[in-house]
C-alpha atoms as a PDB file:
ATOM      1  CA  MET A   1      -0.212  -0.168  -0.114  1.00  0.00           C
ATOM      2  CA  ASN A   2       1.364   3.588  -0.924  1.00  0.00           C
ATOM      3  CA  PRO A   3       0.296   7.523  -0.131  1.00  0.00           C
ATOM      4  CA  GLN A   4      -1.810   7.279  -3.572  1.00  0.00           C
ATOM      5  CA  SER A   5      -3.951   4.194  -1.760  1.00  0.00           C
ATOM      6  CA  TYR A   6      -5.788   6.891   0.602  1.00  0.00           C
ATOM      7  CA  GLY A   7      -8.512   9.320  -1.476  1.00  0.00           C
ATOM      8  CA  SER A   8      -7.723  12.127   1.178  1.00  0.00           C
ATOM      9  CA  GLY A   9      -6.146  12.899   4.101  1.00  0.00           C
ATOM     10  CA  SER A  10      -8.716  11.988   6.565  1.00  0.00           C
ATOM     11  CA  ALA A  11      -8.803   8.754   4.735  1.00  0.00           C
ATOM     12  CA  PHE A  12      -5.276   8.392   5.921  1.00  0.00           C
ATOM     13  CA  ARG A  13      -5.734   9.694   9.777  1.00  0.00           C
ATOM     14  CA  ILE A  14      -8.529   6.705  10.032  1.00  0.00           C
ATOM     15  CA  ALA A  15      -6.091   4.008   9.194  1.00  0.00           C
ATOM     16  CA  LEU A  16      -3.214   5.815  11.005  1.00  0.00           C
ATOM     17  CA  GLU A  17      -5.606   5.774  14.147  1.00  0.00           C
ATOM     18  CA  ALA A  18      -6.412   2.445  13.648  1.00  0.00           C
ATOM     19  CA  ARG A  19      -3.200   1.294  13.630  1.00  0.00           C
ATOM     20  CA  LEU A  20      -1.987   2.863  16.370  1.00  0.00           C
ATOM     21  CA  LYS A  21      -4.676   1.735  18.213  1.00  0.00           C
ATOM     22  CA  ASP A  22      -4.051  -1.420  17.714  1.00  0.00           C
ATOM     23  CA  ARG A  23      -0.645  -1.171  18.790  1.00  0.00           C
ATOM     24  CA  ALA A  24      -1.629   0.710  21.468  1.00  0.00           C
ATOM     25  CA  ALA A  25      -3.150  -2.454  23.250  1.00  0.00           C
ATOM     26  CA  THR A  26      -1.241  -5.073  21.755  1.00  0.00           C
ATOM     27  CA  GLU A  27       1.521  -3.644  23.570  1.00  0.00           C
ATOM     28  CA  ASP A  28      -0.062  -1.912  26.452  1.00  0.00           C
ATOM     29  CA  ILE A  29       1.314   1.247  25.839  1.00  0.00           C
ATOM     30  CA  ASP A  30      -0.036   4.311  26.146  1.00  0.00           C
ATOM     31  CA  LEU A  31      -1.848   5.660  22.965  1.00  0.00           C
ATOM     32  CA  GLN A  32      -1.118   9.364  23.384  1.00  0.00           C
ATOM     33  CA  ARG A  33       2.405   8.371  23.765  1.00  0.00           C
ATOM     34  CA  LEU A  34       2.309   6.480  20.847  1.00  0.00           C
ATOM     35  CA  ARG A  35       0.544   9.883  19.237  1.00  0.00           C
ATOM     36  CA  ARG A  36       3.503  11.990  20.045  1.00  0.00           C
ATOM     37  CA  ARG A  37       5.882  10.072  19.437  1.00  0.00           C
ATOM     38  CA  VAL A  38       4.771   9.614  15.246  1.00  0.00           C
ATOM     39  CA  ALA A  39       4.124  13.705  14.948  1.00  0.00           C
ATOM     40  CA  PHE A  40       7.370  13.844  16.432  1.00  0.00           C
ATOM     41  CA  ASP A  41       9.051  11.868  14.004  1.00  0.00           C
ATOM     42  CA  ARG A  42       6.734  13.378  11.183  1.00  0.00           C
ATOM     43  CA  PHE A  43       8.146  16.997  12.377  1.00  0.00           C
ATOM     44  CA  LEU A  44      11.907  15.504  12.834  1.00  0.00           C
ATOM     45  CA  SER A  45      11.556  14.390   9.641  1.00  0.00           C
ATOM     46  CA  ARG A  46      10.956  17.414   7.949  1.00  0.00           C
ATOM     47  CA  LEU A  47      13.969  19.086   9.485  1.00  0.00           C
ATOM     48  CA  ALA A  48      16.157  16.571   8.286  1.00  0.00           C
ATOM     49  CA  MET A  49      14.540  17.218   4.489  1.00  0.00           C
ATOM     50  CA  GLN A  50      15.581  21.043   4.950  1.00  0.00           C
ATOM     51  CA  ASP A  51      18.803  20.386   6.448  1.00  0.00           C
ATOM     52  CA  ARG A  52      20.478  17.531   8.059  1.00  0.00           C
ATOM     53  CA  GLU A  53      23.571  19.716   9.018  1.00  0.00           C
ATOM     54  CA  ARG A  54      22.646  22.478  10.934  1.00  0.00           C
ATOM     55  CA  TRP A  55      21.018  20.812  14.012  1.00  0.00           C
ATOM     56  CA  ALA A  56      20.893  17.697  15.960  1.00  0.00           C
ATOM     57  CA  LEU A  57      18.470  16.275  18.484  1.00  0.00           C
ATOM     58  CA  LYS A  58      18.994  15.940  22.165  1.00  0.00           C
ATOM     59  CA  GLY A  59      17.425  15.568  25.526  1.00  0.00           C
ATOM     60  CA  GLY A  60      14.662  13.306  26.665  1.00  0.00           C
ATOM     61  CA  TYR A  61      13.510  12.486  23.406  1.00  0.00           C
ATOM     62  CA  ALA A  62      16.988  11.598  21.894  1.00  0.00           C
ATOM     63  CA  LEU A  63      17.278   9.256  25.082  1.00  0.00           C
ATOM     64  CA  GLU A  64      14.178   7.493  24.299  1.00  0.00           C
ATOM     65  CA  ILE A  65      14.819   6.614  20.971  1.00  0.00           C
ATOM     66  CA  GLN A  66      18.574   6.102  21.363  1.00  0.00           C
ATOM     67  CA  LEU A  67      18.552   3.879  24.677  1.00  0.00           C
ATOM     68  CA  ASP A  68      15.025   2.425  23.494  1.00  0.00           C
ATOM     69  CA  ILE A  69      13.585   3.151  27.013  1.00  0.00           C
ATOM     70  CA  ALA A  70       9.862   3.696  27.583  1.00  0.00           C
ATOM     71  CA  ARG A  71      10.691   7.172  29.158  1.00  0.00           C
ATOM     72  CA  SER A  72       7.667   9.792  29.011  1.00  0.00           C
ATOM     73  CA  THR A  73       9.020  12.773  27.068  1.00  0.00           C
ATOM     74  CA  ARG A  74       6.304  15.482  26.225  1.00  0.00           C
ATOM     75  CA  ASP A  75       8.486  17.896  24.320  1.00  0.00           C
ATOM     76  CA  LEU A  76      11.335  18.131  21.465  1.00  0.00           C
ATOM     77  CA  ASP A  77      15.048  19.817  22.621  1.00  0.00           C
ATOM     78  CA  LEU A  78      16.840  20.580  19.822  1.00  0.00           C
ATOM     79  CA  VAL A  79      20.769  22.890  19.361  1.00  0.00           C
ATOM     80  CA  LEU A  80      20.977  24.675  16.728  1.00  0.00           C
ATOM     81  CA  ARG A  81      23.708  25.471  14.554  1.00  0.00           C
ATOM     82  CA  THR A  82      24.100  29.243  14.174  1.00  0.00           C
ATOM     83  CA  SER A  83      25.944  32.541  15.184  1.00  0.00           C
ATOM     84  CA  PRO A  84      24.299  36.122  14.694  1.00  0.00           C
ATOM     85  CA  GLU A  85      27.009  36.229  11.443  1.00  0.00           C
ATOM     86  CA  ASP A  86      25.260  33.680   9.886  1.00  0.00           C
ATOM     87  CA  THR A  87      21.865  35.818   9.904  1.00  0.00           C
ATOM     88  CA  PRO A  88      22.704  39.503   9.679  1.00  0.00           C
ATOM     89  CA  GLY A  89      19.802  41.742  10.236  1.00  0.00           C
ATOM     90  CA  PHE A  90      18.018  39.088  12.247  1.00  0.00           C
ATOM     91  CA  THR A  91      18.140  38.078  16.096  1.00  0.00           C
ATOM     92  CA  PRO A  92      19.505  34.333  16.640  1.00  0.00           C
ATOM     93  CA  VAL A  93      15.427  33.357  17.767  1.00  0.00           C
ATOM     94  CA  ASP A  94      13.879  35.215  14.820  1.00  0.00           C
ATOM     95  CA  ALA A  95      16.133  33.173  12.228  1.00  0.00           C
ATOM     96  CA  THR A  96      15.931  30.121  14.405  1.00  0.00           C
ATOM     97  CA  MET A  97      11.562  30.498  14.134  1.00  0.00           C
ATOM     98  CA  ALA A  98      12.288  31.233  10.144  1.00  0.00           C
ATOM     99  CA  PHE A  99      14.233  27.982   9.896  1.00  0.00           C
ATOM    100  CA  LEU A 100      11.330  26.085  11.644  1.00  0.00           C
ATOM    101  CA  ARG A 101       8.867  27.109   9.616  1.00  0.00           C
ATOM    102  CA  THR A 102      10.442  27.243   6.318  1.00  0.00           C
ATOM    103  CA  SER A 103      11.095  23.375   7.436  1.00  0.00           C
ATOM    104  CA  ALA A 104       7.563  22.648   8.636  1.00  0.00           C
ATOM    105  CA  ALA A 105       6.261  23.979   5.187  1.00  0.00           C
ATOM    106  CA  VAL A 106       8.414  20.825   3.563  1.00  0.00           C
ATOM    107  CA  ASP A 107       6.106  18.459   1.915  1.00  0.00           C
ATOM    108  CA  ALA A 108       7.110  15.268   2.757  1.00  0.00           C
ATOM    109  CA  HIS A 109       4.109  13.277   1.340  1.00  0.00           C
ATOM    110  CA  ASP A 110       2.790  12.285   4.909  1.00  0.00           C
ATOM    111  CA  TYR A 111      -0.342  14.168   5.293  1.00  0.00           C
ATOM    112  CA  PHE A 112       0.748  15.695   8.011  1.00  0.00           C
ATOM    113  CA  ALA A 113       0.868  19.609   8.673  1.00  0.00           C
ATOM    114  CA  PHE A 114       2.910  21.569  10.498  1.00  0.00           C
ATOM    115  CA  ALA A 115       3.119  24.963  12.496  1.00  0.00           C
ATOM    116  CA  VAL A 116       5.178  26.733  14.670  1.00  0.00           C
ATOM    117  CA  GLY A 117       4.000  29.573  16.803  1.00  0.00           C
ATOM    118  CA  ARG A 118       6.102  32.381  17.651  1.00  0.00           C
ATOM    119  CA  PRO A 119       8.537  31.766  20.872  1.00  0.00           C
ATOM    120  CA  MET A 120       6.444  31.655  24.302  1.00  0.00           C
ATOM    121  CA  MET A 121       9.747  32.204  26.256  1.00  0.00           C
ATOM    122  CA  GLU A 122      13.367  32.668  25.808  1.00  0.00           C
ATOM    123  CA  MET A 123      16.679  30.184  27.485  1.00  0.00           C
ATOM    124  CA  GLU A 124      19.178  31.709  29.168  1.00  0.00           C
ATOM    125  CA  GLY A 125      22.453  30.983  29.915  1.00  0.00           C
ATOM    126  CA  LEU A 126      23.448  29.822  26.328  1.00  0.00           C
ATOM    127  CA  PRO A 127      25.768  31.550  23.566  1.00  0.00           C
ATOM    128  CA  TYR A 128      23.348  32.746  21.283  1.00  0.00           C
ATOM    129  CA  GLY A 129      20.385  32.418  23.649  1.00  0.00           C
ATOM    130  CA  GLY A 130      17.076  29.436  23.095  1.00  0.00           C
ATOM    131  CA  ALA A 131      13.311  29.396  22.805  1.00  0.00           C
ATOM    132  CA  ARG A 132      10.890  27.680  23.216  1.00  0.00           C
ATOM    133  CA  PHE A 133       8.340  27.096  20.100  1.00  0.00           C
ATOM    134  CA  PRO A 134       5.016  25.789  20.392  1.00  0.00           C
ATOM    135  CA  ILE A 135       4.090  23.638  17.818  1.00  0.00           C
ATOM    136  CA  GLU A 136       1.025  22.040  16.104  1.00  0.00           C
ATOM    137  CA  SER A 137       0.618  19.084  13.604  1.00  0.00           C
ATOM    138  CA  ARG A 138      -2.863  18.204  11.675  1.00  0.00           C
ATOM    139  CA  VAL A 139      -3.788  15.222   9.743  1.00  0.00           C
ATOM    140  CA  GLY A 140      -6.602  15.335   7.440  1.00  0.00           C
ATOM    141  CA  GLY A 141      -7.420  19.043   8.722  1.00  0.00           C
ATOM    142  CA  ARG A 142      -8.022  18.339  12.131  1.00  0.00           C
ATOM    143  CA  PRO A 143      -5.569  18.612  15.208  1.00  0.00           C
ATOM    144  CA  PHE A 144      -3.797  15.690  15.494  1.00  0.00           C
ATOM    145  CA  LEU A 145      -1.038  16.941  18.676  1.00  0.00           C
ATOM    146  CA  THR A 146       0.299  20.420  19.855  1.00  0.00           C
ATOM    147  CA  PHE A 147       4.110  19.992  21.719  1.00  0.00           C
ATOM    148  CA  HIS A 148       6.596  22.123  22.310  1.00  0.00           C
ATOM    149  CA  LEU A 149       9.840  22.556  21.274  1.00  0.00           C
ATOM    150  CA  ASP A 150      12.621  23.739  22.891  1.00  0.00           C
ATOM    151  CA  VAL A 151      16.002  25.027  20.552  1.00  0.00           C
ATOM    152  CA  ALA A 152      19.453  25.970  22.495  1.00  0.00           C
ATOM    153  CA  ILE A 153      20.992  28.099  19.874  1.00  0.00           C
ATOM    154  CA  GLY A 154      24.691  28.044  18.671  1.00  0.00           C
ATOM    155  CA  ASP A 155      25.068  25.900  21.718  1.00  0.00           C
ATOM    156  CA  THR A 156      28.136  22.762  21.788  1.00  0.00           C
ATOM    157  CA  ILE A 157      28.378  20.204  19.571  1.00  0.00           C
ATOM    158  CA  VAL A 158      30.695  17.533  19.951  1.00  0.00           C
ATOM    159  CA  MET A 159      31.455  15.151  16.970  1.00  0.00           C
ATOM    160  CA  PRO A 160      30.609  12.429  15.693  1.00  0.00           C
ATOM    161  CA  LEU A 161      27.167  12.318  15.939  1.00  0.00           C
ATOM    162  CA  GLN A 162      24.912   9.422  16.021  1.00  0.00           C
ATOM    163  CA  THR A 163      22.286   8.851  13.170  1.00  0.00           C
ATOM    164  CA  ILE A 164      19.152   7.344  13.826  1.00  0.00           C
ATOM    165  CA  VAL A 165      17.045   5.320  11.992  1.00  0.00           C
ATOM    166  CA  LEU A 166      13.530   6.636  13.336  1.00  0.00           C
ATOM    167  CA  LYS A 167      10.635   4.096  14.038  1.00  0.00           C
ATOM    168  CA  ASP A 168       8.555   2.999  10.969  1.00  0.00           C
ATOM    169  CA  TRP A 169       5.184   4.599  11.764  1.00  0.00           C
ATOM    170  CA  LEU A 170       4.008   5.347   8.177  1.00  0.00           C
ATOM    171  CA  GLY A 171       5.486   2.206   6.197  1.00  0.00           C
ATOM    172  CA  PHE A 172       2.179   1.124   5.601  1.00  0.00           C
ATOM    173  CA  ALA A 173       1.577   4.206   3.648  1.00  0.00           C
ATOM    174  CA  GLY A 174       4.812   3.922   2.046  1.00  0.00           C
ATOM    175  CA  VAL A 175       6.036   6.460   3.746  1.00  0.00           C
ATOM    176  CA  ALA A 176       9.928   5.963   4.869  1.00  0.00           C
ATOM    177  CA  ALA A 177      11.579   6.343   8.279  1.00  0.00           C
ATOM    178  CA  ALA A 178      13.363   9.643   8.751  1.00  0.00           C
ATOM    179  CA  MET A 179      17.329   9.347   9.949  1.00  0.00           C
ATOM    180  CA  VAL A 180      18.125  12.065  12.230  1.00  0.00           C
ATOM    181  CA  PRO A 181      21.041  13.341  13.919  1.00  0.00           C
ATOM    182  CA  VAL A 182      21.378  12.938  17.606  1.00  0.00           C
ATOM    183  CA  LEU A 183      23.960  14.207  20.241  1.00  0.00           C
ATOM    184  CA  SER A 184      26.499  11.389  21.603  1.00  0.00           C
ATOM    185  CA  ARG A 185      25.385   9.557  24.750  1.00  0.00           C
ATOM    186  CA  GLU A 186      28.457  11.298  26.506  1.00  0.00           C
ATOM    187  CA  GLN A 187      27.591  14.679  25.084  1.00  0.00           C
ATOM    188  CA  GLN A 188      24.185  13.910  26.468  1.00  0.00           C
ATOM    189  CA  PHE A 189      25.562  12.729  30.048  1.00  0.00           C
ATOM    190  CA  ALA A 190      27.781  16.080  29.979  1.00  0.00           C
ATOM    191  CA  GLU A 191      24.861  18.465  29.760  1.00  0.00           C
ATOM    192  CA  LYS A 192      23.026  16.501  32.240  1.00  0.00           C
ATOM    193  CA  LEU A 193      25.889  16.522  34.551  1.00  0.00           C
ATOM    194  CA  HIS A 194      26.655  20.332  33.851  1.00  0.00           C
ATOM    195  CA  ALA A 195      22.682  20.970  35.000  1.00  0.00           C
ATOM    196  CA  TYR A 196      23.067  18.968  37.800  1.00  0.00           C
ATOM    197  CA  ALA A 197      26.325  20.289  39.255  1.00  0.00           C
ATOM    198  CA  THR A 198      25.981  24.332  38.730  1.00  0.00           C
ATOM    199  CA  PRO A 199      25.323  26.141  41.891  1.00  0.00           C
ATOM    200  CA  ARG A 200      21.864  27.579  42.593  1.00  0.00           C
ATOM    201  CA  ASP A 201      21.169  29.954  44.973  1.00  0.00           C
ATOM    202  CA  SER A 202      18.183  29.275  47.468  1.00  0.00           C
ATOM    203  CA  GLU A 203      15.538  31.559  45.653  1.00  0.00           C
ATOM    204  CA  HIS A 204      16.439  29.181  42.776  1.00  0.00           C
ATOM    205  CA  PRO A 205      16.787  25.761  43.912  1.00  0.00           C
ATOM    206  CA  ASN A 206      17.970  22.581  41.472  1.00  0.00           C
ATOM    207  CA  SER A 207      14.627  21.134  40.371  1.00  0.00           C
ATOM    208  CA  ARG A 208      15.122  19.130  37.113  1.00  0.00           C
ATOM    209  CA  VAL A 209      15.203  15.709  38.849  1.00  0.00           C
ATOM    210  CA  LYS A 210      14.706  14.262  35.353  1.00  0.00           C
ATOM    211  CA  ASP A 211      18.616  15.264  34.766  1.00  0.00           C
ATOM    212  CA  LEU A 212      19.486  12.448  37.679  1.00  0.00           C
ATOM    213  CA  VAL A 213      17.428  10.005  36.232  1.00  0.00           C
ATOM    214  CA  ASP A 214      18.703  10.255  32.640  1.00  0.00           C
ATOM    215  CA  MET A 215      22.068  10.219  33.970  1.00  0.00           C
ATOM    216  CA  VAL A 216      21.608   7.044  35.428  1.00  0.00           C
ATOM    217  CA  LEU A 217      19.751   5.705  32.347  1.00  0.00           C
ATOM    218  CA  LEU A 218      22.712   6.781  30.359  1.00  0.00           C
ATOM    219  CA  LEU A 219      24.931   4.642  32.778  1.00  0.00           C
ATOM    220  CA  LYS A 220      23.170   1.691  33.033  1.00  0.00           C
ATOM    221  CA  ASP A 221      23.386   1.527  28.995  1.00  0.00           C
ATOM    222  CA  GLY A 222      26.977   0.948  30.028  1.00  0.00           C
ATOM    223  CA  THR A 223      28.342   2.342  26.639  1.00  0.00           C
ATOM    224  CA  LEU A 224      29.890   5.446  28.267  1.00  0.00           C
ATOM    225  CA  ASP A 225      33.768   6.011  27.111  1.00  0.00           C
ATOM    226  CA  PRO A 226      34.856   7.995  29.993  1.00  0.00           C
ATOM    227  CA  ALA A 227      37.541   9.521  28.071  1.00  0.00           C
ATOM    228  CA  TYR A 228      35.518  10.658  25.946  1.00  0.00           C
ATOM    229  CA  THR A 229      33.415  11.772  27.979  1.00  0.00           C
ATOM    230  CA  LEU A 230      35.970  14.008  29.781  1.00  0.00           C
ATOM    231  CA  ASP A 231      36.017  15.395  26.081  1.00  0.00           C
ATOM    232  CA  THR A 232      32.536  16.381  26.191  1.00  0.00           C
ATOM    233  CA  LEU A 233      32.327  17.848  30.010  1.00  0.00           C
ATOM    234  CA  ILE A 234      35.368  19.672  29.005  1.00  0.00           C
ATOM    235  CA  SER A 235      33.728  21.192  25.932  1.00  0.00           C
ATOM    236  CA  VAL A 236      29.914  21.949  27.291  1.00  0.00           C
ATOM    237  CA  PHE A 237      31.967  23.311  31.043  1.00  0.00           C
ATOM    238  CA  ARG A 238      33.869  25.589  28.882  1.00  0.00           C
ATOM    239  CA  ARG A 239      30.829  26.664  26.144  1.00  0.00           C
ATOM    240  CA  ARG A 240      29.092  28.038  29.307  1.00  0.00           C
ATOM    241  CA  GLY A 241      31.523  29.974  30.855  1.00  0.00           C
ATOM    242  CA  GLN A 242      33.038  27.483  33.377  1.00  0.00           C
ATOM    243  CA  PRO A 243      36.687  26.480  32.652  1.00  0.00           C
ATOM    244  CA  ARG A 244      37.214  24.078  35.448  1.00  0.00           C
ATOM    245  CA  LEU A 245      35.471  20.746  36.184  1.00  0.00           C
ATOM    246  CA  PRO A 246      33.912  20.306  39.526  1.00  0.00           C
ATOM    247  CA  THR A 247      36.183  18.251  42.165  1.00  0.00           C
ATOM    248  CA  ALA A 248      33.215  16.782  43.699  1.00  0.00           C
ATOM    249  CA  LEU A 249      29.371  16.603  43.195  1.00  0.00           C
ATOM    250  CA  GLY A 250      27.040  17.488  45.512  1.00  0.00           C
ATOM    251  CA  ASP A 251      23.912  15.863  46.719  1.00  0.00           C
ATOM    252  CA  PRO A 252      20.507  16.653  45.158  1.00  0.00           C
ATOM    253  CA  PRO A 253      17.805  18.514  47.584  1.00  0.00           C
ATOM    254  CA  SER A 254      15.902  16.376  49.783  1.00  0.00           C
ATOM    255  CA  SER A 255      12.985  17.718  48.118  1.00  0.00           C
ATOM    256  CA  TRP A 256      14.394  15.126  45.107  1.00  0.00           C
ATOM    257  CA  ALA A 257      13.226  11.488  46.972  1.00  0.00           C
ATOM    258  CA  THR A 258       9.905  11.121  45.943  1.00  0.00           C
ATOM    259  CA  PRO A 259       9.552  12.570  42.298  1.00  0.00           C
ATOM    260  CA  PHE A 260      13.037  10.988  41.550  1.00  0.00           C
ATOM    261  CA  ALA A 261      11.226   7.521  42.681  1.00  0.00           C
ATOM    262  CA  THR A 262       8.440   8.123  40.879  1.00  0.00           C
ATOM    263  CA  MET A 263      10.059   8.901  37.653  1.00  0.00           C
ATOM    264  CA  ALA A 264      12.582   6.374  38.500  1.00  0.00           C
ATOM    265  CA  SER A 265      10.053   3.571  38.391  1.00  0.00           C
ATOM    266  CA  GLU A 266       8.400   4.283  35.324  1.00  0.00           C
ATOM    267  CA  CYS A 267      11.811   4.224  33.643  1.00  0.00           C
ATOM    268  CA  GLY A 268      12.607   0.845  34.996  1.00  0.00           C
ATOM    269  CA  ILE A 269      15.695   1.601  37.577  1.00  0.00           C
ATOM    270  CA  SER A 270      16.301   1.539  41.086  1.00  0.00           C
ATOM    271  CA  THR A 271      14.104   4.218  43.393  1.00  0.00           C
ATOM    272  CA  ASP A 272      16.915   5.261  45.606  1.00  0.00           C
ATOM    273  CA  VAL A 273      18.223   8.688  44.539  1.00  0.00           C
ATOM    274  CA  GLU A 274      21.102   8.016  46.928  1.00  0.00           C
ATOM    275  CA  GLU A 275      22.061   4.976  45.329  1.00  0.00           C
ATOM    276  CA  ALA A 276      21.603   7.116  41.808  1.00  0.00           C
ATOM    277  CA  CYS A 277      23.692   9.787  43.598  1.00  0.00           C
ATOM    278  CA  GLU A 278      26.497   7.016  44.434  1.00  0.00           C
ATOM    279  CA  ASP A 279      26.555   5.661  40.548  1.00  0.00           C
ATOM    280  CA  VAL A 280      26.569   9.172  39.096  1.00  0.00           C
ATOM    281  CA  ARG A 281      29.454  10.140  41.524  1.00  0.00           C
ATOM    282  CA  SER A 282      31.303   7.085  41.064  1.00  0.00           C
ATOM    283  CA  PHE A 283      31.396   6.958  37.042  1.00  0.00           C
ATOM    284  CA  TYR A 284      32.626  10.912  37.033  1.00  0.00           C
ATOM    285  CA  LEU A 285      35.331   9.800  39.143  1.00  0.00           C
ATOM    286  CA  ARG A 286      36.192   7.660  36.643  1.00  0.00           C
ATOM    287  CA  VAL A 287      35.989  10.652  34.047  1.00  0.00           C
ATOM    288  CA  LEU A 288      38.536  12.552  36.074  1.00  0.00           C
ATOM    289  CA  ARG A 289      40.789   9.775  36.287  1.00  0.00           C
ATOM    290  CA  GLU A 290      41.348  10.447  32.939  1.00  0.00           C
ATOM    291  CA  LEU A 291      42.705  14.231  33.047  1.00  0.00           C
ATOM    292  CA  PRO A 292      46.135  12.896  34.409  1.00  0.00           C
ATOM    293  CA  LYS A 293      46.415  10.761  31.453  1.00  0.00           C
ATOM    294  CA  ARG A 294      45.653  13.623  29.034  1.00  0.00           C
ATOM    295  CA  SER A 295      48.265  15.778  30.532  1.00  0.00           C
ATOM    296  CA  VAL A 296      50.713  12.747  30.069  1.00  0.00           C
ATOM    297  CA  GLU A 297      49.863  12.839  26.201  1.00  0.00           C
ATOM    298  CA  GLY A 298      50.106  16.158  25.984  1.00  0.00           C
ATOM    299  CA  SER A 299      53.600  16.340  27.300  1.00  0.00           C
END
């Protein structure tokens, strides 16, 4: 069966919804999660068709597809290669919005349509800033799913990237799965650790419990290379204005215990926050032990 087999977007939508409902029931997966993944993948396919060299997927959804885990991811996160010099006359956020809208307009022959709204908020602490954009997907002229896209503009991208083939959601309609660029597991860990380790004041405590969950998931995967992780940590910390790596990692707020246990249970890992912290500290010390080797090699 190919796309021409459906006389309209509405007919295609009926077929898609039926398959998703059947898959949700057969595999005991939340239907809304499946819908979200389809919408994510079809939007990413357009970005890849427009310019695969300009961006990379990161964050929760990147981990979900890299590690093949049942992580509850509600938004997309990208890093975009750009600088003010690349887009004279435009702010980095406006240039990003233009790129996203141009990409969203690509006809992928999949009966999906996407609209990119104006940024809802701008993110701080990034080289050229960042922003959150609302994305609306439609199929057959009706809303399918709305989600947020967080874009880090001009942030660190440590090569090489990983290329991942997304799930074959629409093969029944002759639509091929897209290939997308994804930050390495080591860089994902480095960014999570940076967010975890950055000091906060009492008025703005660290509430990013998911960073600890994600670091444990990456450690559980067992593929992180300590030497490469050191390289990415140095790049990430320097890019964010911190030339030195912390010598030790502190404890998370006591308020993390309950939400950590909930998230960890959903991901199938230990719900003990202290055990998680110890696992992360242990690996981080292994990474730091690579520093003397680096000094010897450079002498």
